[in-house]
């Protein structure tokens, strides 16, 4: 007889939050404990030039979640919000992605 698998459950410090997503679907986010956030914040700043593209219709990650990301970068950092694009920017707004890549190469 095979041993019974252990039940899989989220860590106790993790609280699930739901919010309506696109097309009436529900997106689920996990809010992790403050210890993990402190550990991530202690990492060295990212020094490479970076452009963050965030779709305003993203049903997976709200645009507000990347609003304060600049603090993680010491190199040139730019954040662009892409209207009418969701989570798959390369499919939904390919021109914006190409322009961002070209902009990194020009500077």
C-alpha atoms as a PDB file:
ATOM      1  CA  UNK A   1       0.000   0.000   0.000  1.00  0.00           C
ATOM      2  CA  UNK A   2       1.268   3.475  -0.905  1.00  0.00           C
ATOM      3  CA  UNK A   3       1.583   6.080   1.851  1.00  0.00           C
ATOM      4  CA  UNK A   4      -1.059   8.769   1.904  1.00  0.00           C
ATOM      5  CA  UNK A   5       0.166  12.084   0.471  1.00  0.00           C
ATOM      6  CA  UNK A   6       0.478  14.953   2.879  1.00  0.00           C
ATOM      7  CA  UNK A   7      -2.214  17.600   2.488  1.00  0.00           C
ATOM      8  CA  UNK A   8      -1.012  20.703   0.687  1.00  0.00           C
ATOM      9  CA  UNK A   9      -2.113  23.973   2.188  1.00  0.00           C
ATOM     10  CA  UNK A  10      -0.837  27.541   2.056  1.00  0.00           C
ATOM     11  CA  UNK A  11       1.462  28.622   4.881  1.00  0.00           C
ATOM     12  CA  UNK A  12      -0.425  30.054   7.860  1.00  0.00           C
ATOM     13  CA  UNK A  13       1.035  33.521   7.284  1.00  0.00           C
ATOM     14  CA  UNK A  14      -0.533  33.652   3.855  1.00  0.00           C
ATOM     15  CA  UNK A  15      -3.988  35.172   3.432  1.00  0.00           C
ATOM     16  CA  UNK A  16      -5.894  34.685   0.201  1.00  0.00           C
ATOM     17  CA  UNK A  17      -7.616  37.697  -1.279  1.00  0.00           C
ATOM     18  CA  UNK A  18     -10.004  37.611  -4.177  1.00  0.00           C
ATOM     19  CA  UNK A  19     -11.170  40.368  -6.435  1.00  0.00           C
ATOM     20  CA  UNK A  20     -13.170  40.399  -9.640  1.00  0.00           C
ATOM     21  CA  UNK A  21     -11.026  39.960 -12.734  1.00  0.00           C
ATOM     22  CA  UNK A  22     -11.654  40.445 -16.413  1.00  0.00           C
ATOM     23  CA  UNK A  23     -14.741  38.813 -17.908  1.00  0.00           C
ATOM     24  CA  UNK A  24     -16.174  38.152 -14.457  1.00  0.00           C
ATOM     25  CA  UNK A  25     -13.415  35.749 -13.485  1.00  0.00           C
ATOM     26  CA  UNK A  26     -11.967  35.894 -10.007  1.00  0.00           C
ATOM     27  CA  UNK A  27      -8.273  36.573  -9.562  1.00  0.00           C
ATOM     28  CA  UNK A  28      -6.607  35.256  -6.426  1.00  0.00           C
ATOM     29  CA  UNK A  29      -3.618  36.897  -4.816  1.00  0.00           C
ATOM     30  CA  UNK A  30      -1.528  35.717  -1.931  1.00  0.00           C
ATOM     31  CA  UNK A  31      -0.447  38.278   0.643  1.00  0.00           C
ATOM     32  CA  UNK A  32       2.717  36.895   2.220  1.00  0.00           C
ATOM     33  CA  UNK A  33       4.087  37.592   5.643  1.00  0.00           C
ATOM     34  CA  UNK A  34       6.112  40.690   6.499  1.00  0.00           C
ATOM     35  CA  UNK A  35       9.274  38.596   7.055  1.00  0.00           C
ATOM     36  CA  UNK A  36       9.360  37.588   3.414  1.00  0.00           C
ATOM     37  CA  UNK A  37       8.762  41.181   2.331  1.00  0.00           C
ATOM     38  CA  UNK A  38      11.649  42.367   4.558  1.00  0.00           C
ATOM     39  CA  UNK A  39      13.915  39.686   3.091  1.00  0.00           C
ATOM     40  CA  UNK A  40      13.090  40.729  -0.464  1.00  0.00           C
ATOM     41  CA  UNK A  41      13.549  44.415   0.355  1.00  0.00           C
ATOM     42  CA  UNK A  42      17.046  43.701   1.738  1.00  0.00           C
ATOM     43  CA  UNK A  43      18.297  42.513  -1.654  1.00  0.00           C
ATOM     44  CA  UNK A  44      20.710  44.749  -3.582  1.00  0.00           C
ATOM     45  CA  UNK A  45      19.119  47.258  -5.925  1.00  0.00           C
ATOM     46  CA  UNK A  46      18.908  46.257  -9.588  1.00  0.00           C
ATOM     47  CA  UNK A  47      21.462  48.304 -11.512  1.00  0.00           C
ATOM     48  CA  UNK A  48      20.571  47.445 -15.119  1.00  0.00           C
ATOM     49  CA  UNK A  49      18.388  49.853 -17.124  1.00  0.00           C
ATOM     50  CA  UNK A  50      14.780  48.724 -16.800  1.00  0.00           C
ATOM     51  CA  UNK A  51      11.423  49.590 -18.326  1.00  0.00           C
ATOM     52  CA  UNK A  52       8.370  48.074 -16.644  1.00  0.00           C
ATOM     53  CA  UNK A  53       5.249  47.787 -18.776  1.00  0.00           C
ATOM     54  CA  UNK A  54       2.006  47.240 -16.915  1.00  0.00           C
ATOM     55  CA  UNK A  55      -1.329  46.659 -18.623  1.00  0.00           C
ATOM     56  CA  UNK A  56      -4.121  48.683 -17.081  1.00  0.00           C
ATOM     57  CA  UNK A  57      -6.574  45.830 -17.794  1.00  0.00           C
ATOM     58  CA  UNK A  58      -4.383  43.213 -16.080  1.00  0.00           C
ATOM     59  CA  UNK A  59      -6.701  40.813 -14.284  1.00  0.00           C
ATOM     60  CA  UNK A  60      -3.802  39.022 -12.589  1.00  0.00           C
ATOM     61  CA  UNK A  61      -1.795  41.870 -11.061  1.00  0.00           C
ATOM     62  CA  UNK A  62      -3.202  45.339 -10.468  1.00  0.00           C
ATOM     63  CA  UNK A  63      -1.217  48.233 -11.926  1.00  0.00           C
ATOM     64  CA  UNK A  64      -1.060  49.758  -8.456  1.00  0.00           C
ATOM     65  CA  UNK A  65       1.116  46.822  -7.360  1.00  0.00           C
ATOM     66  CA  UNK A  66       4.030  48.086  -9.473  1.00  0.00           C
ATOM     67  CA  UNK A  67       3.574  51.744  -8.499  1.00  0.00           C
ATOM     68  CA  UNK A  68       6.399  51.796  -5.948  1.00  0.00           C
ATOM     69  CA  UNK A  69       8.753  49.370  -7.720  1.00  0.00           C
ATOM     70  CA  UNK A  70      11.285  52.114  -8.523  1.00  0.00           C
ATOM     71  CA  UNK A  71      12.758  51.740  -5.043  1.00  0.00           C
ATOM     72  CA  UNK A  72      14.215  48.356  -6.110  1.00  0.00           C
ATOM     73  CA  UNK A  73      16.301  49.889  -8.914  1.00  0.00           C
ATOM     74  CA  UNK A  74      19.484  51.944  -8.787  1.00  0.00           C
ATOM     75  CA  UNK A  75      19.914  52.065 -12.572  1.00  0.00           C
ATOM     76  CA  UNK A  76      17.679  53.935 -14.979  1.00  0.00           C
ATOM     77  CA  UNK A  77      14.083  52.907 -14.328  1.00  0.00           C
ATOM     78  CA  UNK A  78      10.921  53.749 -16.172  1.00  0.00           C
ATOM     79  CA  UNK A  79       7.363  52.494 -15.644  1.00  0.00           C
ATOM     80  CA  UNK A  80       4.782  52.730 -18.394  1.00  0.00           C
ATOM     81  CA  UNK A  81       1.100  51.939 -18.053  1.00  0.00           C
ATOM     82  CA  UNK A  82      -0.376  50.450 -21.198  1.00  0.00           C
ATOM     83  CA  UNK A  83      -4.104  51.181 -21.643  1.00  0.00           C
ATOM     84  CA  UNK A  84      -6.338  48.444 -23.054  1.00  0.00           C
ATOM     85  CA  UNK A  85      -3.700  45.755 -22.379  1.00  0.00           C
ATOM     86  CA  UNK A  86      -3.854  43.040 -19.786  1.00  0.00           C
ATOM     87  CA  UNK A  87      -1.348  40.519 -18.476  1.00  0.00           C
ATOM     88  CA  UNK A  88      -0.003  39.325 -21.860  1.00  0.00           C
ATOM     89  CA  UNK A  89       1.461  42.545 -23.196  1.00  0.00           C
ATOM     90  CA  UNK A  90       3.473  40.883 -25.968  1.00  0.00           C
ATOM     91  CA  UNK A  91       0.195  39.599 -27.434  1.00  0.00           C
ATOM     92  CA  UNK A  92      -2.119  42.454 -26.544  1.00  0.00           C
ATOM     93  CA  UNK A  93       0.185  45.444 -27.119  1.00  0.00           C
ATOM     94  CA  UNK A  94       3.168  44.219 -29.167  1.00  0.00           C
ATOM     95  CA  UNK A  95       4.014  47.713 -30.414  1.00  0.00           C
ATOM     96  CA  UNK A  96       4.410  48.992 -26.850  1.00  0.00           C
ATOM     97  CA  UNK A  97       6.757  46.080 -26.073  1.00  0.00           C
ATOM     98  CA  UNK A  98       8.863  46.682 -29.206  1.00  0.00           C
ATOM     99  CA  UNK A  99       9.070  50.409 -28.459  1.00  0.00           C
ATOM    100  CA  UNK A 100      10.211  49.706 -24.880  1.00  0.00           C
ATOM    101  CA  UNK A 101      12.937  47.322 -26.071  1.00  0.00           C
ATOM    102  CA  UNK A 102      14.145  49.814 -28.643  1.00  0.00           C
ATOM    103  CA  UNK A 103      14.154  52.594 -26.047  1.00  0.00           C
ATOM    104  CA  UNK A 104      16.448  50.520 -23.813  1.00  0.00           C
ATOM    105  CA  UNK A 105      18.865  50.023 -26.703  1.00  0.00           C
ATOM    106  CA  UNK A 106      18.922  53.716 -27.649  1.00  0.00           C
ATOM    107  CA  UNK A 107      19.979  55.045 -24.250  1.00  0.00           C
END
